[in-house]
Every structure is written in C-alpha cells, then in structure tokens.
Amino acid sequence: MASAELRDTRRRIKSVQSTMKITRAMELIAASRIPKAVARVGASKPYSAKLVDVIRNVAGASGGTSHMLLDQRVVRHAGVLVVASDRGLAGAYATTIIREAERRIVALERAGTPTRLFVVGKKAQTYFQYRKYQVARSFLGVTDAPGYVDARAIANTLMEAYASETVDSVDAYYTRFQSALTQVPTQFQLLPIAPPSAGEARTTVDYSYEPSPDQILDRLLPRYIESTVFSMLLEASASEHSARRRAMKAATENAEELIRVLTRIANRARQGEITTEISEIVGGAEALAQQKS
C-alpha cells in the first residue's frame, strides 16, 4: 500500500493538474479575444481623429466661441474616473491603475480639494468601497466587451456632473494598449475639454455651416466626450485581455513546473517503498530459511 506521504503527493499532483487545465483554458480564451479587441481599438482611432479635426475647424470658424464643456473653472470639487476591470486573474492590471488614481485622490484631498469618484469595473468598486471612499457612480459589466452605449452612459453621467458644477474637472485613469506585451497606465484630463489649437490642425477645411458654427459645436463636443470615453474603454479592454493571457500563461507554466517537482517527490517516495518492501521480503525469506535449518 502507498504511504501517507505518497498519497498526499499524488493528491497534490491531481489538484495542480486540475488547476492547470483551468489556467490553460483561460489563457486560450484571453488569447482568442485579443485580436478582436485590438481591431476595435484601431477602428475607433480614425473616427476620433477626424472628430478632433472637425471640432478644431468649427471652433476656428466660430471665432473662439465659449462652451460649457470648454470652460476652465476654479477646481473646488474634482472628479476622478477610474477604468479598471470586472474580473480578476489578470496579474497587476487592475491594481496598477487603481493605485495611480488613488495617489491622485490622496494628493487632491491633502490640498483641500474634495473628490467625486466614478469607477468602471467591479475591481475598482470593491477596492474603493473597502477603503471607505465615496463612490458616486459605478459602471459594471462593461470592461469585457464595451459598447458605445456604455461609453455614452458614462459620458452623460460625467457631463451632467460637470454641467451642474458637482465637479469642476474630471481626470480619467485607464490603461493604454501599446502591444500585447506593453500596457501603460495613463492619466487624461477629460473635462474641461482642452480647446483644440489651430496650429495643430492637420487639415484646414472651409465649411459651409447649417446651422451656425456655435450650434454645431454644441452638438459635436458631447460626441467628442463619448468618443473619448469609448476609446478609453476599448484600450482598457484590450489591455485587460493581454494582461490576463500573460498571467494565465505564467500560471500554467508554474503549474507544469510544480507537477514535475511533485512527480519527482512521488517517484522517490515510491522507490523508497519498493526498497522497503524488497528488504522485508528478503528478511522474511532469510527468517524462513533459518527456521528450516
């Protein structure tokens, strides 16, 4: 019969094998989602870039018009948007961006500026609520495959808070996707909108306006906020899938190595048992031979 040590080692091997199957499956799922997420990031950029160009040209034609979303106000209450994740098992992906945002919140509060917190993802909601931060609004079930409807809901919430002067600025924290191996925690001032500079324009177009440039700008600026939030969600989603694939690949490799180590331990234990059994058989045979003699 197998010894207690050998039985325990075999149970551990089976447990690690079961875990490895799960991590391998999650790695493959994340890897299958990365191409689509990256394609959506790339597809959204031309629209955002063209929207900025149009706003720049319309703003120039309107003679430097003012707009509520462009107003630079004294920041008495600061808004912070944190885009994290709904699920874990993605390494330090969520923790990194959450702590970046928390450092900003602490700095604002030390300076005497109250903050209003908006979070995307269950991980950010749980983190800040556990630490007794007041979360003004949470958006859950968004990060895995964000849609434009989700971005519009988030953008409308932020713009309403800004219009009502509940907040005087909104800083967004999200993870920018650079490649499958590189994702960068990023801070971006979402509100007020930084007025487009005419000197940065890539193309200058002389539009015929109907209705007036001011009215067109009034419609375009909210669309710009929606588009920017949507781009952030897409970048964060691609980053999350890439981080999860790397984390699950590392977990699978660690499980394989642990199985090899446990298998060696089990083999040594089994060899020890066989040696003991042989010794007992030889000893018994010698005892019988002595009795007969």
Protein backbone atom coordinates (compact mmCIF):
# COMPACT_ATOMS: atom_id res chain seq x y z
CA MET A 1 0.00 0.00 0.00
CA ALA A 2 1.08 3.56 -0.69
CA SER A 3 2.36 5.53 2.26
CA ALA A 4 0.62 8.63 3.56
CA GLU A 5 3.31 10.86 2.02
CA LEU A 6 2.88 9.26 -1.40
CA ARG A 7 -0.92 9.51 -1.28
CA ASP A 8 -0.69 13.16 -0.28
CA THR A 9 1.76 13.92 -3.10
CA ARG A 10 -0.47 12.22 -5.67
CA ARG A 11 -3.48 14.22 -4.44
CA ARG A 12 -1.47 17.42 -4.83
CA ILE A 13 -0.48 16.43 -8.37
CA LYS A 14 -4.12 15.85 -9.33
CA SER A 15 -5.12 19.17 -7.77
CA VAL A 16 -2.40 21.07 -9.65
CA GLN A 17 -3.35 19.30 -12.90
CA SER A 18 -6.97 20.43 -12.45
CA THR A 19 -5.83 24.00 -11.80
CA MET A 20 -3.56 23.89 -14.85
CA LYS A 21 -6.50 22.91 -17.07
CA ILE A 22 -8.39 25.98 -15.87
CA THR A 23 -5.47 28.38 -16.36
CA ARG A 24 -4.75 26.91 -19.80
CA ALA A 25 -8.39 27.37 -20.83
CA MET A 26 -8.43 30.96 -19.55
CA GLU A 27 -5.17 31.68 -21.39
CA LEU A 28 -6.66 30.41 -24.66
CA ILE A 29 -9.89 32.36 -24.15
CA ALA A 30 -8.00 35.58 -23.47
CA ALA A 31 -5.72 34.98 -26.47
CA SER A 32 -8.76 34.50 -28.73
CA ARG A 33 -10.27 37.80 -27.59
CA ILE A 34 -7.14 39.92 -28.05
CA PRO A 35 -7.27 40.22 -31.88
CA LYS A 36 -10.86 41.45 -31.87
CA ALA A 37 -10.19 43.90 -29.03
CA VAL A 38 -7.10 45.27 -30.80
CA ALA A 39 -9.02 45.59 -34.07
CA ARG A 40 -11.72 47.62 -32.31
CA VAL A 41 -9.07 49.93 -30.86
CA GLY A 42 -7.60 50.52 -34.31
CA ALA A 43 -11.01 51.02 -35.91
CA SER A 44 -12.00 53.70 -33.38
CA LYS A 45 -8.95 55.92 -33.88
CA PRO A 46 -9.77 57.39 -37.32
CA TYR A 47 -13.21 58.48 -36.11
CA SER A 48 -11.78 60.17 -33.03
CA ALA A 49 -9.04 61.87 -35.02
CA LYS A 50 -11.49 63.17 -37.62
CA LEU A 51 -13.83 64.39 -34.90
CA VAL A 52 -11.00 66.41 -33.34
CA ASP A 53 -10.17 67.92 -36.75
CA VAL A 54 -13.79 68.92 -37.33
CA ILE A 55 -14.08 70.46 -33.85
CA ARG A 56 -10.85 72.37 -34.43
CA ASN A 57 -12.10 73.80 -37.74
CA VAL A 58 -15.57 74.61 -36.40
CA ALA A 59 -14.09 76.26 -33.32
CA GLY A 60 -11.90 78.40 -35.55
CA ALA A 61 -14.83 79.40 -37.72
CA SER A 62 -16.94 80.36 -34.71
CA GLY A 63 -14.39 82.95 -33.65
CA GLY A 64 -13.24 81.37 -30.39
CA THR A 65 -16.71 80.70 -29.05
CA SER A 66 -17.16 79.58 -25.47
CA HIS A 67 -18.94 76.41 -24.40
CA MET A 68 -19.82 74.87 -21.10
CA LEU A 69 -17.57 71.86 -21.74
CA LEU A 70 -14.66 74.17 -22.61
CA ASP A 71 -14.97 76.43 -19.58
CA GLN A 72 -11.90 76.44 -17.35
CA ARG A 73 -13.18 76.84 -13.79
CA VAL A 74 -11.56 77.04 -10.40
CA VAL A 75 -11.46 73.44 -9.21
CA ARG A 76 -13.41 73.30 -5.96
CA HIS A 77 -14.54 69.70 -6.48
CA ALA A 78 -12.54 67.29 -8.62
CA GLY A 79 -13.95 64.30 -10.45
CA VAL A 80 -11.90 61.13 -10.98
CA LEU A 81 -12.87 58.39 -13.44
CA VAL A 82 -11.13 55.03 -12.94
CA VAL A 83 -11.39 52.36 -15.67
CA ALA A 84 -10.35 49.01 -14.17
CA SER A 85 -11.86 45.54 -14.73
CA ASP A 86 -14.82 43.42 -13.65
CA ARG A 87 -12.83 40.20 -13.31
CA GLY A 88 -9.51 39.32 -11.78
CA LEU A 89 -6.80 36.81 -12.72
CA ALA A 90 -5.07 39.44 -14.85
CA GLY A 91 -1.95 39.98 -12.79
CA ALA A 92 -1.42 43.54 -11.59
CA TYR A 93 -3.55 45.07 -14.35
CA ALA A 94 -6.36 46.45 -12.17
CA THR A 95 -4.21 47.16 -9.12
CA THR A 96 -1.77 49.33 -11.06
CA ILE A 97 -4.33 51.77 -12.47
CA ILE A 98 -6.36 51.83 -9.24
CA ARG A 99 -3.31 52.85 -7.21
CA GLU A 100 -2.41 55.52 -9.77
CA ALA A 101 -5.85 57.02 -9.29
CA GLU A 102 -5.69 56.65 -5.51
CA ARG A 103 -2.44 58.63 -5.39
CA ARG A 104 -4.17 61.45 -7.25
CA ILE A 105 -7.17 61.35 -4.91
CA VAL A 106 -4.92 61.48 -1.83
CA ALA A 107 -2.99 64.42 -3.30
CA LEU A 108 -6.21 66.33 -4.04
CA GLU A 109 -7.64 65.72 -0.59
CA ARG A 110 -4.39 66.80 1.08
CA ALA A 111 -4.64 70.02 -0.95
CA GLY A 112 -8.17 70.54 0.39
CA THR A 113 -9.99 69.60 -2.82
CA PRO A 114 -12.86 67.12 -2.30
CA THR A 115 -13.12 64.41 -4.95
CA ARG A 116 -16.07 62.70 -6.57
CA LEU A 117 -15.23 59.18 -7.72
CA PHE A 118 -16.63 57.38 -10.78
CA VAL A 119 -15.49 53.80 -11.35
CA VAL A 120 -15.76 51.32 -14.20
CA GLY A 121 -15.36 47.69 -13.18
CA LYS A 122 -16.07 45.57 -10.13
CA LYS A 123 -12.42 45.57 -9.05
CA ALA A 124 -12.29 49.36 -8.70
CA GLN A 125 -15.67 49.48 -6.97
CA THR A 126 -14.66 46.85 -4.40
CA TYR A 127 -11.25 48.42 -3.78
CA PHE A 128 -12.51 51.94 -3.11
CA GLN A 129 -15.59 50.90 -1.13
CA TYR A 130 -13.47 48.66 1.11
CA ARG A 131 -11.24 51.65 1.86
CA LYS A 132 -14.25 53.84 2.68
CA TYR A 133 -14.06 56.09 -0.37
CA GLN A 134 -17.38 57.54 -1.52
CA VAL A 135 -18.11 56.17 -4.99
CA ALA A 136 -20.55 58.47 -6.78
CA ARG A 137 -21.34 56.03 -9.60
CA SER A 138 -20.23 52.56 -10.62
CA PHE A 139 -20.46 51.02 -14.09
CA LEU A 140 -20.27 47.22 -14.01
CA GLY A 141 -20.27 44.54 -16.70
CA VAL A 142 -18.61 46.89 -19.18
CA THR A 143 -14.91 46.07 -19.43
CA ASP A 144 -15.00 42.67 -21.13
CA ALA A 145 -16.59 43.86 -24.39
CA PRO A 146 -17.51 47.56 -24.11
CA GLY A 147 -20.10 49.05 -26.42
CA TYR A 148 -20.78 52.61 -27.48
CA VAL A 149 -23.95 52.59 -25.36
CA ASP A 150 -21.78 52.01 -22.29
CA ALA A 151 -19.49 54.89 -23.26
CA ARG A 152 -22.48 57.19 -23.78
CA ALA A 153 -23.90 56.34 -20.35
CA ILE A 154 -20.56 57.08 -18.68
CA ALA A 155 -20.02 60.27 -20.69
CA ASN A 156 -23.53 61.57 -19.93
CA THR A 157 -23.01 60.97 -16.20
CA LEU A 158 -19.74 62.91 -16.26
CA MET A 159 -21.11 65.76 -18.36
CA GLU A 160 -24.18 66.11 -16.11
CA ALA A 161 -21.93 66.30 -13.05
CA TYR A 162 -19.80 68.94 -14.79
CA ALA A 163 -22.79 70.96 -16.04
CA SER A 164 -24.36 71.02 -12.58
CA GLU A 165 -20.97 72.08 -11.11
CA THR A 166 -20.93 69.00 -8.90
CA VAL A 167 -17.39 68.67 -10.22
CA ASP A 168 -15.20 71.31 -11.84
CA SER A 169 -12.87 68.89 -13.62
CA VAL A 170 -12.68 65.20 -14.48
CA ASP A 171 -9.42 63.26 -14.72
CA ALA A 172 -9.65 59.81 -16.30
CA TYR A 173 -7.35 56.91 -15.40
CA TYR A 174 -7.18 53.96 -17.77
CA THR A 175 -4.65 51.55 -19.26
CA ARG A 176 -3.49 52.42 -22.77
CA PHE A 177 -2.80 49.48 -25.07
CA GLN A 178 0.54 49.63 -26.90
CA SER A 179 1.16 45.99 -27.71
CA ALA A 180 0.41 42.52 -26.44
CA LEU A 181 3.37 42.88 -24.08
CA THR A 182 3.08 46.57 -23.14
CA GLN A 183 0.14 48.34 -21.50
CA VAL A 184 0.66 51.78 -19.99
CA PRO A 185 -1.32 53.28 -17.06
CA THR A 186 -2.48 56.66 -18.37
CA GLN A 187 -4.00 59.83 -16.91
CA PHE A 188 -6.08 62.08 -19.17
CA GLN A 189 -7.98 65.30 -18.47
CA LEU A 190 -11.42 64.58 -19.83
CA LEU A 191 -13.21 67.71 -18.61
CA PRO A 192 -12.98 70.54 -19.30
CA ILE A 193 -12.05 69.82 -22.90
CA ALA A 194 -8.71 71.32 -23.84
CA PRO A 195 -9.54 73.78 -26.66
CA PRO A 196 -8.14 72.47 -29.96
CA SER A 197 -5.23 74.54 -31.20
CA ALA A 198 -5.43 75.75 -34.78
CA GLY A 199 -1.66 75.37 -35.11
CA GLU A 200 -2.01 71.61 -34.52
CA ALA A 201 -4.56 71.10 -37.27
CA ARG A 202 -3.56 68.54 -39.85
CA THR A 203 -6.15 69.79 -42.35
CA THR A 204 -7.97 73.09 -42.60
CA VAL A 205 -11.38 72.93 -44.23
CA ASP A 206 -13.63 75.84 -45.13
CA TYR A 207 -17.07 74.50 -44.24
CA SER A 208 -20.47 75.87 -45.15
CA TYR A 209 -22.40 75.84 -41.87
CA GLU A 210 -26.05 74.99 -41.39
CA PRO A 211 -27.00 75.76 -38.64
CA SER A 212 -24.43 78.12 -37.11
CA PRO A 213 -20.93 77.01 -36.01
CA ASP A 214 -21.93 77.55 -32.37
CA GLN A 215 -24.84 75.14 -32.65
CA ILE A 216 -22.74 72.57 -34.48
CA LEU A 217 -20.05 72.81 -31.81
CA ASP A 218 -22.72 72.35 -29.15
CA ARG A 219 -23.57 69.00 -30.73
CA LEU A 220 -20.02 67.93 -31.50
CA LEU A 221 -18.44 68.43 -28.09
CA PRO A 222 -20.67 65.88 -26.29
CA ARG A 223 -19.96 63.42 -29.14
CA TYR A 224 -16.25 64.06 -28.58
CA ILE A 225 -16.56 63.16 -24.89
CA GLU A 226 -18.48 60.00 -25.78
CA SER A 227 -15.89 59.03 -28.39
CA THR A 228 -13.01 59.65 -25.99
CA VAL A 229 -14.61 57.54 -23.26
CA PHE A 230 -15.31 54.79 -25.80
CA SER A 231 -11.66 54.80 -26.89
CA MET A 232 -10.58 54.52 -23.25
CA LEU A 233 -12.87 51.53 -22.71
CA LEU A 234 -11.58 49.79 -25.84
CA GLU A 235 -7.95 50.39 -24.90
CA ALA A 236 -8.60 49.15 -21.37
CA SER A 237 -10.39 46.04 -22.65
CA ALA A 238 -7.53 45.12 -24.99
CA SER A 239 -5.06 45.73 -22.16
CA GLU A 240 -7.06 43.55 -19.76
CA HIS A 241 -7.20 40.60 -22.17
CA SER A 242 -3.47 40.87 -22.85
CA ALA A 243 -2.65 41.06 -19.15
CA ARG A 244 -4.89 38.07 -18.40
CA ARG A 245 -3.30 36.00 -21.15
CA ARG A 246 0.18 36.69 -19.75
CA ALA A 247 -0.91 35.97 -16.18
CA MET A 248 -2.61 32.69 -17.12
CA LYS A 249 0.35 31.63 -19.26
CA ALA A 250 2.68 32.23 -16.31
CA ALA A 251 0.31 30.33 -14.01
CA THR A 252 0.19 27.40 -16.43
CA GLU A 253 3.97 27.27 -16.68
CA ASN A 254 4.28 27.41 -12.87
CA ALA A 255 1.78 24.55 -12.59
CA GLU A 256 3.76 22.46 -15.07
CA GLU A 257 6.96 23.05 -13.10
CA LEU A 258 5.22 22.20 -9.82
CA ILE A 259 3.89 18.96 -11.32
CA ARG A 260 7.41 18.00 -12.37
CA VAL A 261 8.72 18.67 -8.85
CA LEU A 262 5.86 16.73 -7.21
CA THR A 263 6.31 13.85 -9.65
CA ARG A 264 9.98 13.55 -8.65
CA ILE A 265 8.96 13.58 -4.97
CA ALA A 266 6.33 10.89 -5.63
CA ASN A 267 8.85 8.76 -7.56
CA ARG A 268 11.38 8.99 -4.73
CA ALA A 269 8.70 8.06 -2.20
CA ARG A 270 7.61 5.11 -4.35
CA GLN A 271 11.21 3.95 -4.78
CA GLY A 272 11.66 4.13 -1.02
CA GLU A 273 8.56 1.98 -0.55
CA ILE A 274 9.79 -0.57 -3.09
CA THR A 275 13.16 -0.76 -1.36
CA THR A 276 11.45 -1.28 1.98
CA GLU A 277 9.20 -3.98 0.53
CA ILE A 278 12.18 -5.80 -1.01
CA SER A 279 14.05 -5.61 2.28
CA GLU A 280 11.04 -7.04 4.12
CA ILE A 281 10.72 -9.89 1.60
CA VAL A 282 14.41 -10.70 1.79
CA GLY A 283 14.32 -10.54 5.59
CA GLY A 284 11.28 -12.83 5.70
CA ALA A 285 12.92 -15.33 3.32
CA GLU A 286 16.04 -15.43 5.43
CA ALA A 287 13.99 -15.96 8.58
CA LEU A 288 12.14 -18.90 6.96
CA ALA A 289 15.42 -20.40 5.77
CA GLN A 290 16.86 -20.19 9.27
CA GLN A 291 13.76 -21.87 10.75
CA LYS A 292 14.00 -24.78 8.29
CA SER A 293 17.67 -25.25 9.03
